[in-house]
C-alpha atoms as a PDB file:
ATOM      1  CA  MET A   1    -122.466  57.671  12.298  1.00  0.00           C
ATOM      2  CA  ILE A   2    -122.291  61.298  11.292  1.00  0.00           C
ATOM      3  CA  MET A   3    -119.735  61.946   8.574  1.00  0.00           C
ATOM      4  CA  ARG A   4    -117.442  64.927   8.528  1.00  0.00           C
ATOM      5  CA  PRO A   5    -117.969  67.358   5.647  1.00  0.00           C
ATOM      6  CA  GLY A   6    -115.873  66.567   2.609  1.00  0.00           C
ATOM      7  CA  HIS A   7    -115.361  62.897   3.444  1.00  0.00           C
ATOM      8  CA  GLN A   8    -116.270  60.320   0.860  1.00  0.00           C
ATOM      9  CA  LEU A   9    -118.562  57.411   1.641  1.00  0.00           C
ATOM     10  CA  LEU A  10    -116.450  54.240   1.410  1.00  0.00           C
ATOM     11  CA  LEU A  11    -117.454  50.916  -0.093  1.00  0.00           C
ATOM     12  CA  PRO A  12    -117.290  47.848   2.165  1.00  0.00           C
ATOM     13  CA  ALA A  13    -113.844  46.300   2.399  1.00  0.00           C
ATOM     14  CA  ASN A  14    -113.400  43.066   0.482  1.00  0.00           C
ATOM     15  CA  PRO A  15    -112.269  40.310   2.909  1.00  0.00           C
ATOM     16  CA  MET A  16    -110.013  38.824   0.233  1.00  0.00           C
ATOM     17  CA  PHE A  17    -108.271  42.187  -0.158  1.00  0.00           C
ATOM     18  CA  ILE A  18    -107.804  42.478   3.625  1.00  0.00           C
ATOM     19  CA  TRP A  19    -106.266  39.012   3.912  1.00  0.00           C
ATOM     20  CA  GLY A  20    -104.217  39.553   0.758  1.00  0.00           C
ATOM     21  CA  THR A  21    -102.664  42.727   2.162  1.00  0.00           C
ATOM     22  CA  LEU A  22    -101.899  40.978   5.454  1.00  0.00           C
ATOM     23  CA  LEU A  23    -100.227  38.077   3.648  1.00  0.00           C
ATOM     24  CA  ALA A  24     -98.317  40.501   1.404  1.00  0.00           C
ATOM     25  CA  ALA A  25     -97.070  42.387   4.483  1.00  0.00           C
ATOM     26  CA  LEU A  26     -96.054  39.067   6.081  1.00  0.00           C
ATOM     27  CA  GLY A  27     -94.144  38.187   2.918  1.00  0.00           C
ATOM     28  CA  LEU A  28     -92.500  41.614   2.843  1.00  0.00           C
ATOM     29  CA  ASN A  29     -91.368  41.201   6.459  1.00  0.00           C
ATOM     30  CA  MET A  30     -89.980  37.772   5.633  1.00  0.00           C
ATOM     31  CA  LEU A  31     -88.120  39.153   2.612  1.00  0.00           C
ATOM     32  CA  GLN A  32     -86.619  41.857   4.830  1.00  0.00           C
ATOM     33  CA  ASN A  33     -85.298  39.226   7.213  1.00  0.00           C
ATOM     34  CA  ILE A  34     -83.579  37.125   4.561  1.00  0.00           C
ATOM     35  CA  GLY A  35     -81.829  40.091   2.930  1.00  0.00           C
ATOM     36  CA  LEU A  36     -78.074  40.452   2.773  1.00  0.00           C
ATOM     37  CA  LEU A  37     -77.771  42.171   6.144  1.00  0.00           C
ATOM     38  CA  GLY A  38     -80.658  40.486   7.923  1.00  0.00           C
ATOM     39  CA  ARG A  39     -83.255  42.586   9.682  1.00  0.00           C
ATOM     40  CA  ALA A  40     -81.875  45.996  10.547  1.00  0.00           C
ATOM     41  CA  ALA A  41     -83.127  47.485  13.815  1.00  0.00           C
ATOM     42  CA  TRP A  42     -84.321  50.690  12.123  1.00  0.00           C
ATOM     43  CA  MET A  43     -86.417  48.956   9.435  1.00  0.00           C
ATOM     44  CA  ALA A  44     -90.178  49.384   9.575  1.00  0.00           C
ATOM     45  CA  ASP A  45     -92.339  46.426  10.524  1.00  0.00           C
ATOM     46  CA  PHE A  46     -94.773  46.350   7.599  1.00  0.00           C
ATOM     47  CA  LEU A  47     -96.914  43.619   9.119  1.00  0.00           C
ATOM     48  CA  ALA A  48     -97.455  45.692  12.264  1.00  0.00           C
ATOM     49  CA  LEU A  49     -98.348  48.676  10.097  1.00  0.00           C
ATOM     50  CA  VAL A  50    -100.961  46.748   8.102  1.00  0.00           C
ATOM     51  CA  LEU A  51    -102.324  45.051  11.247  1.00  0.00           C
ATOM     52  CA  VAL A  52    -102.862  48.423  12.900  1.00  0.00           C
ATOM     53  CA  PHE A  53    -104.493  49.818   9.764  1.00  0.00           C
ATOM     54  CA  TRP A  54    -107.008  46.976   9.489  1.00  0.00           C
ATOM     55  CA  SER A  55    -107.573  46.869  13.254  1.00  0.00           C
ATOM     56  CA  ILE A  56    -108.597  50.517  13.044  1.00  0.00           C
ATOM     57  CA  HIS A  57    -110.639  50.346   9.846  1.00  0.00           C
ATOM     58  CA  GLN A  58    -112.114  46.831  10.179  1.00  0.00           C
ATOM     59  CA  PRO A  59    -112.038  45.827  13.868  1.00  0.00           C
ATOM     60  CA  GLN A  60    -114.832  43.291  13.325  1.00  0.00           C
ATOM     61  CA  ARG A  61    -112.703  41.285  10.885  1.00  0.00           C
ATOM     62  CA  ILE A  62    -109.134  41.786  12.053  1.00  0.00           C
ATOM     63  CA  GLY A  63    -108.624  41.587  15.770  1.00  0.00           C
ATOM     64  CA  ILE A  64    -106.389  40.371  18.524  1.00  0.00           C
ATOM     65  CA  GLY A  65    -106.514  36.713  17.508  1.00  0.00           C
ATOM     66  CA  VAL A  66    -105.338  37.458  13.982  1.00  0.00           C
ATOM     67  CA  ALA A  67    -102.528  39.613  15.371  1.00  0.00           C
ATOM     68  CA  PHE A  68    -101.463  36.766  17.680  1.00  0.00           C
ATOM     69  CA  VAL A  69    -101.327  34.227  14.826  1.00  0.00           C
ATOM     70  CA  PHE A  70     -99.307  36.538  12.586  1.00  0.00           C
ATOM     71  CA  GLY A  71     -96.988  37.250  15.525  1.00  0.00           C
ATOM     72  CA  ILE A  72     -96.369  33.521  15.925  1.00  0.00           C
ATOM     73  CA  PHE A  73     -95.592  33.295  12.199  1.00  0.00           C
ATOM     74  CA  ILE A  74     -92.987  36.066  12.512  1.00  0.00           C
ATOM     75  CA  ASP A  75     -91.510  34.467  15.659  1.00  0.00           C
ATOM     76  CA  VAL A  76     -91.091  31.147  13.880  1.00  0.00           C
ATOM     77  CA  HIS A  77     -89.620  32.773  10.788  1.00  0.00           C
ATOM     78  CA  GLN A  78     -87.113  34.898  12.704  1.00  0.00           C
ATOM     79  CA  GLY A  79     -86.216  32.188  15.185  1.00  0.00           C
ATOM     80  CA  ALA A  80     -87.091  34.628  17.948  1.00  0.00           C
ATOM     81  CA  MET A  81     -88.366  33.656  21.351  1.00  0.00           C
ATOM     82  CA  LEU A  82     -91.780  32.133  20.714  1.00  0.00           C
ATOM     83  CA  GLY A  83     -94.401  34.714  21.633  1.00  0.00           C
ATOM     84  CA  GLN A  84     -92.219  37.810  21.421  1.00  0.00           C
ATOM     85  CA  HIS A  85     -93.864  39.255  18.338  1.00  0.00           C
ATOM     86  CA  ALA A  86     -97.170  37.592  19.179  1.00  0.00           C
ATOM     87  CA  LEU A  87     -97.371  39.542  22.438  1.00  0.00           C
ATOM     88  CA  SER A  88     -96.255  42.733  20.725  1.00  0.00           C
ATOM     89  CA  TYR A  89     -98.781  42.442  17.882  1.00  0.00           C
ATOM     90  CA  THR A  90    -101.565  41.471  20.284  1.00  0.00           C
ATOM     91  CA  VAL A  91    -101.023  44.566  22.435  1.00  0.00           C
ATOM     92  CA  LEU A  92    -100.683  46.682  19.295  1.00  0.00           C
ATOM     93  CA  SER A  93    -103.978  45.370  17.913  1.00  0.00           C
ATOM     94  CA  PHE A  94    -105.728  45.856  21.262  1.00  0.00           C
ATOM     95  CA  LEU A  95    -104.581  49.465  21.500  1.00  0.00           C
ATOM     96  CA  ALA A  96    -105.557  50.136  17.880  1.00  0.00           C
ATOM     97  CA  ILE A  97    -109.045  48.724  18.434  1.00  0.00           C
ATOM     98  CA  ALA A  98    -109.358  50.736  21.654  1.00  0.00           C
ATOM     99  CA  ILE A  99    -108.759  54.048  19.852  1.00  0.00           C
ATOM    100  CA  HIS A 100    -110.221  53.269  16.434  1.00  0.00           C
ATOM    101  CA  ARG A 101    -113.412  55.351  16.779  1.00  0.00           C
ATOM    102  CA  ARG A 102    -111.569  58.447  17.963  1.00  0.00           C
ATOM    103  CA  LEU A 103    -108.746  58.036  15.478  1.00  0.00           C
ATOM    104  CA  LEU A 104    -111.012  57.993  12.421  1.00  0.00           C
ATOM    105  CA  TRP A 105    -112.158  61.564  13.162  1.00  0.00           C
ATOM    106  CA  PHE A 106    -108.644  62.900  12.565  1.00  0.00           C
ATOM    107  CA  SER A 107    -107.083  63.625   9.193  1.00  0.00           C
ATOM    108  CA  VAL A 108    -104.565  61.088   7.912  1.00  0.00           C
ATOM    109  CA  PRO A 109    -101.456  63.170   8.813  1.00  0.00           C
ATOM    110  CA  SER A 110    -102.855  63.670  12.312  1.00  0.00           C
ATOM    111  CA  GLN A 111    -103.492  59.943  12.554  1.00  0.00           C
ATOM    112  CA  ALA A 112     -99.786  59.377  11.953  1.00  0.00           C
ATOM    113  CA  PHE A 113     -98.994  61.256  15.167  1.00  0.00           C
ATOM    114  CA  GLN A 114    -101.701  59.326  16.998  1.00  0.00           C
ATOM    115  CA  VAL A 115    -100.349  55.888  16.034  1.00  0.00           C
ATOM    116  CA  LEU A 116     -96.717  56.740  16.831  1.00  0.00           C
ATOM    117  CA  PRO A 117     -97.115  55.832  20.550  1.00  0.00           C
ATOM    118  CA  LEU A 118     -98.704  52.517  19.537  1.00  0.00           C
ATOM    119  CA  PHE A 119     -95.716  51.585  17.387  1.00  0.00           C
ATOM    120  CA  ALA A 120     -93.314  52.763  20.104  1.00  0.00           C
ATOM    121  CA  ALA A 121     -95.098  50.599  22.687  1.00  0.00           C
ATOM    122  CA  SER A 122     -94.946  47.618  20.355  1.00  0.00           C
ATOM    123  CA  HIS A 123     -91.206  47.959  19.842  1.00  0.00           C
ATOM    124  CA  ALA A 124     -90.690  48.515  23.573  1.00  0.00           C
ATOM    125  CA  ILE A 125     -92.505  45.246  24.315  1.00  0.00           C
ATOM    126  CA  GLU A 126     -90.427  43.372  21.728  1.00  0.00           C
ATOM    127  CA  LEU A 127     -87.220  44.850  23.139  1.00  0.00           C
ATOM    128  CA  SER A 128     -88.102  44.106  26.747  1.00  0.00           C
ATOM    129  CA  VAL A 129     -89.010  40.475  25.994  1.00  0.00           C
ATOM    130  CA  ARG A 130     -85.797  40.066  23.966  1.00  0.00           C
ATOM    131  CA  MET A 131     -83.690  41.580  26.762  1.00  0.00           C
ATOM    132  CA  MET A 132     -85.359  39.470  29.476  1.00  0.00           C
ATOM    133  CA  ALA A 133     -84.594  36.370  27.436  1.00  0.00           C
ATOM    134  CA  GLY A 134     -80.912  37.316  27.340  1.00  0.00           C
ATOM    135  CA  GLY A 135     -80.762  38.765  23.838  1.00  0.00           C
ATOM    136  CA  ALA A 136     -78.384  41.459  22.699  1.00  0.00           C
ATOM    137  CA  PHE A 137     -79.406  45.105  22.558  1.00  0.00           C
ATOM    138  CA  PRO A 138     -79.940  45.995  18.877  1.00  0.00           C
ATOM    139  CA  GLY A 139     -78.729  49.565  19.248  1.00  0.00           C
ATOM    140  CA  TYR A 140     -80.277  52.977  19.452  1.00  0.00           C
ATOM    141  CA  LEU A 141     -81.270  52.900  15.793  1.00  0.00           C
ATOM    142  CA  LEU A 142     -84.249  50.901  17.034  1.00  0.00           C
ATOM    143  CA  LEU A 143     -85.789  54.251  18.003  1.00  0.00           C
ATOM    144  CA  LEU A 144     -86.123  55.132  14.313  1.00  0.00           C
ATOM    145  CA  SER A 145     -88.406  52.205  13.542  1.00  0.00           C
ATOM    146  CA  PRO A 146     -91.606  53.594  15.138  1.00  0.00           C
ATOM    147  CA  VAL A 147     -90.929  56.972  13.551  1.00  0.00           C
ATOM    148  CA  ILE A 148     -90.528  55.415  10.102  1.00  0.00           C
ATOM    149  CA  GLU A 149     -93.709  53.376  10.593  1.00  0.00           C
ATOM    150  CA  SER A 150     -95.557  56.525  11.592  1.00  0.00           C
ATOM    151  CA  LEU A 151     -94.241  58.343   8.514  1.00  0.00           C
ATOM    152  CA  LEU A 152     -95.436  55.448   6.343  1.00  0.00           C
ATOM    153  CA  TRP A 153     -98.950  55.671   7.813  1.00  0.00           C
ATOM    154  CA  PRO A 154    -100.311  58.184   5.238  1.00  0.00           C
ATOM    155  CA  VAL A 155     -98.895  56.144   2.355  1.00  0.00           C
ATOM    156  CA  VAL A 156    -100.409  52.919   3.675  1.00  0.00           C
ATOM    157  CA  SER A 157    -103.734  54.652   4.337  1.00  0.00           C
ATOM    158  CA  VAL A 158    -103.988  55.948   0.783  1.00  0.00           C
ATOM    159  CA  ILE A 159    -102.973  52.630  -0.793  1.00  0.00           C
ATOM    160  CA  LEU A 160    -105.187  50.392   1.330  1.00  0.00           C
ATOM    161  CA  LEU A 161    -108.269  52.619   1.058  1.00  0.00           C
ATOM    162  CA  MET A 162    -108.047  52.946  -2.746  1.00  0.00           C
ATOM    163  CA  PRO A 163    -110.322  49.971  -3.532  1.00  0.00           C
ATOM    164  CA  GLN A 164    -112.980  51.311  -1.151  1.00  0.00           C
ATOM    165  CA  ARG A 165    -112.987  54.782  -2.679  1.00  0.00           C
ATOM    166  CA  ARG A 166    -113.867  53.705  -6.209  1.00  0.00           C
ATOM    167  CA  THR A 167    -117.466  53.947  -7.321  1.00  0.00           C
ATOM    168  CA  PRO A 168    -119.244  50.646  -7.908  1.00  0.00           C
ATOM    169  CA  ASN A 169    -121.024  51.714 -11.130  1.00  0.00           C
ATOM    170  CA  PRO A 170    -120.272  55.349 -11.963  1.00  0.00           C
ATOM    171  CA  ASP A 171    -122.621  57.224 -14.208  1.00  0.00           C
ATOM    172  CA  ALA A 172    -123.937  60.755 -14.668  1.00  0.00           C
ATOM    173  CA  HIS A 173    -126.902  60.278 -12.307  1.00  0.00           C
ATOM    174  CA  ARG A 174    -125.000  58.857  -9.319  1.00  0.00           C
ATOM    175  CA  PRO A 175    -122.181  61.167  -8.267  1.00  0.00           C
ATOM    176  CA  LEU A 176    -120.975  58.893  -5.435  1.00  0.00           C
END
């Protein structure tokens, strides 16, 4: 693959780091849900954010099956209709894998605009499944959630790519 000028060559991603970040995002989502007010409709879905990031950067390791399993975990934790988040995360992961080659050519702020429709589609799927099952409409603040997730994209990109940007053994003769 031809690299764009000015881009740094990244180290391979450590599988333990990938799974650790996914489990940390799952824990963060669970902590959000057991807060004083419960899960607010406008809150960002950190697990979806991390799933999309790793589906774009490591599609060989994190794919649709992983997204489905984590969706089932969230469904069980929230007491939601079984498969609601699983379907949403599966579609989200599929769309992220479908655009991952094109998306990596953009700068990180431009990527945030590119992933906004993915997050919006994910929340639309969750909402439609909830409404078909007879759930209550969470309110129009739900429209803020994909926007917040998109705004968090640059922060998540910088944090999750930090271990890959470090040099393995820096010295004066190897400037990588």
